Amino acid sequence: MQTGSIRAKTAALGLALAIGGCGGGGDSTALTVTIDGPAIVDVDAPAIVLSGTASLPEGSYSTGGTPSVPWVTCQAGPYTMTWSNAATGQSGNITALWNCTEAFLRWSTVPVPLAIGANPITVAIADSASSGSDTVAVNRR
């Protein structure tokens, strides 16, 4: 398991938000997930939104982009992507998007509820051939 990172911003409603970044890339032997920002974050908010990048799953493809067919269609291969917070025991699914011009997926979570104190949050991706994950420590004051 890799140690990852997040970038948090406190919003007016008390949510800490993370804004997406760059990185990642497809690999036929292992999937990677990157959580944006620092590895340890202190927040006062009751929830946090995480974002980042992930490898393209096996079976991903793009078609088109020729003079006769100027648009490109991309289809990510089948995968599952989840978040889990070890402090609360809660977890949920993540949907990632693939911009055809990039060699990776971009993802973000819904607001992840935080317990007071340490919240180890793991984001994981898996396809039929491999998996990968990244973990960040979010400390709620």
Protein backbone atom coordinates (compact mmCIF):
# COMPACT_ATOMS: atom_id res chain seq x y z
CA MET A 1 0.00 0.00 0.00
CA GLN A 2 1.37 3.40 -0.96
CA THR A 3 1.18 6.39 1.32
CA GLY A 4 -0.71 9.12 -0.49
CA SER A 5 -1.79 12.62 -0.03
CA ILE A 6 -4.73 15.05 -0.19
CA ARG A 7 -5.22 18.80 -0.40
CA ALA A 8 -7.95 20.11 1.89
CA LYS A 9 -9.81 23.42 1.89
CA THR A 10 -12.41 24.27 4.48
CA ALA A 11 -15.70 25.34 2.90
CA ALA A 12 -18.42 27.54 4.40
CA LEU A 13 -20.53 24.51 5.25
CA GLY A 14 -17.67 22.94 7.17
CA LEU A 15 -16.62 20.54 4.45
CA ALA A 16 -12.99 20.23 3.50
CA LEU A 17 -12.63 19.92 -0.24
CA ALA A 18 -9.84 18.53 -2.37
CA ILE A 19 -9.29 19.68 -5.93
CA GLY A 20 -8.05 17.24 -8.62
CA GLY A 21 -4.51 17.08 -9.95
CA CYS A 22 -2.36 15.20 -12.43
CA GLY A 23 -0.47 11.93 -12.47
CA GLY A 24 -1.00 8.23 -12.90
CA GLY A 25 -1.07 6.16 -16.02
CA GLY A 26 -2.02 2.71 -17.26
CA ASP A 27 0.09 -0.33 -16.43
CA SER A 28 -0.80 -3.91 -17.38
CA THR A 29 0.69 -5.39 -14.18
CA ALA A 30 -0.53 -3.03 -11.44
CA LEU A 31 -3.05 -0.27 -11.00
CA THR A 32 -2.10 2.89 -9.16
CA VAL A 33 -4.17 5.44 -7.26
CA THR A 34 -2.93 8.87 -6.23
CA ILE A 35 -4.71 11.05 -3.68
CA ASP A 36 -3.99 14.78 -4.24
CA GLY A 37 -2.30 16.94 -1.57
CA PRO A 38 -0.20 16.28 1.57
CA ALA A 39 0.00 12.86 3.28
CA ILE A 40 -1.34 14.18 6.60
CA VAL A 41 -4.03 16.84 6.88
CA ASP A 42 -5.60 18.52 9.91
CA VAL A 43 -9.19 19.73 9.47
CA ASP A 44 -11.99 21.11 11.63
CA ALA A 45 -14.71 19.91 9.24
CA PRO A 46 -17.02 16.90 9.78
CA ALA A 47 -16.33 15.57 6.26
CA ILE A 48 -13.76 15.77 3.48
CA VAL A 49 -13.89 15.31 -0.29
CA LEU A 50 -10.86 13.55 -1.76
CA SER A 51 -9.76 13.55 -5.39
CA GLY A 52 -6.90 12.31 -7.51
CA THR A 53 -5.95 10.07 -10.39
CA ALA A 54 -5.87 6.33 -11.11
CA SER A 55 -4.50 4.01 -13.76
CA LEU A 56 -6.61 3.04 -16.73
CA PRO A 57 -8.12 -0.38 -16.04
CA GLU A 58 -7.41 -3.37 -18.27
CA GLY A 59 -9.63 -3.30 -21.36
CA SER A 60 -9.71 0.51 -21.68
CA TYR A 61 -9.77 1.73 -25.26
CA SER A 62 -10.36 4.79 -27.42
CA THR A 63 -11.61 4.92 -30.99
CA GLY A 64 -12.03 7.61 -33.59
CA GLY A 65 -10.02 10.76 -34.02
CA THR A 66 -9.49 10.39 -37.77
CA PRO A 67 -10.20 13.03 -40.43
CA SER A 68 -13.45 11.24 -41.33
CA VAL A 69 -14.43 10.69 -37.67
CA PRO A 70 -13.11 13.79 -35.83
CA TRP A 71 -14.46 12.84 -32.41
CA VAL A 72 -12.86 10.33 -30.09
CA THR A 73 -14.82 7.88 -27.98
CA CYS A 74 -13.18 6.35 -24.93
CA GLN A 75 -14.37 3.51 -22.77
CA ALA A 76 -12.70 2.65 -19.49
CA GLY A 77 -12.39 -1.09 -18.90
CA PRO A 78 -14.44 -2.66 -16.11
CA TYR A 79 -13.24 -1.67 -12.64
CA THR A 80 -14.39 -1.04 -9.10
CA MET A 81 -13.22 1.95 -7.10
CA THR A 82 -13.98 2.56 -3.42
CA TRP A 83 -13.08 4.67 -0.40
CA SER A 84 -13.03 3.47 3.21
CA ASN A 85 -12.47 5.26 6.51
CA ALA A 86 -10.96 2.93 9.14
CA ALA A 87 -11.96 5.32 11.95
CA THR A 88 -15.69 5.24 11.18
CA GLY A 89 -15.98 1.88 9.40
CA GLN A 90 -17.77 3.62 6.54
CA SER A 91 -17.05 3.07 2.86
CA GLY A 92 -18.49 3.96 -0.51
CA ASN A 93 -18.08 3.68 -4.24
CA ILE A 94 -16.20 6.15 -6.43
CA THR A 95 -16.88 6.94 -10.07
CA ALA A 96 -13.89 8.00 -12.12
CA LEU A 97 -13.93 9.83 -15.45
CA TRP A 98 -11.57 9.38 -18.37
CA ASN A 99 -10.69 12.35 -20.54
CA CYS A 100 -9.63 10.62 -23.79
CA THR A 101 -6.57 12.86 -24.15
CA GLU A 102 -5.13 11.69 -20.81
CA ALA A 103 -3.48 8.37 -19.92
CA PHE A 104 -5.29 8.08 -16.56
CA LEU A 105 -8.67 8.39 -14.83
CA ARG A 106 -9.69 11.36 -12.65
CA TRP A 107 -11.83 10.61 -9.59
CA SER A 108 -13.36 12.29 -6.54
CA THR A 109 -15.36 11.09 -3.57
CA VAL A 110 -18.61 12.28 -2.09
CA PRO A 111 -18.05 13.96 1.32
CA VAL A 112 -16.38 11.30 3.49
CA PRO A 113 -17.61 11.55 7.12
CA LEU A 114 -14.82 12.02 9.69
CA ALA A 115 -14.57 10.94 13.31
CA ILE A 116 -12.85 13.20 15.84
CA GLY A 117 -9.13 12.33 15.81
CA ALA A 118 -7.23 10.21 13.29
CA ASN A 119 -9.05 9.02 10.15
CA PRO A 120 -6.99 6.70 7.90
CA ILE A 121 -8.81 6.88 4.57
CA THR A 122 -7.97 4.43 1.78
CA VAL A 123 -8.94 4.77 -1.87
CA ALA A 124 -8.69 1.57 -3.92
CA ILE A 125 -9.16 0.52 -7.55
CA ALA A 126 -9.38 -3.02 -8.95
CA ASP A 127 -9.97 -4.60 -12.33
CA SER A 128 -9.95 -8.26 -13.37
CA ALA A 129 -6.13 -8.38 -13.46
CA SER A 130 -4.83 -6.22 -10.61
CA SER A 131 -5.51 -3.63 -7.95
CA GLY A 132 -3.96 -0.63 -6.26
CA SER A 133 -4.64 1.70 -3.35
CA ASP A 134 -3.48 4.83 -1.61
CA THR A 135 -4.05 5.97 1.98
CA VAL A 136 -4.09 9.37 3.63
CA ALA A 137 -4.26 10.38 7.31
CA VAL A 138 -6.92 13.02 7.98
CA ASN A 139 -6.95 14.37 11.54
CA ARG A 140 -10.23 15.98 12.57
CA ARG A 141 -9.82 18.43 15.45
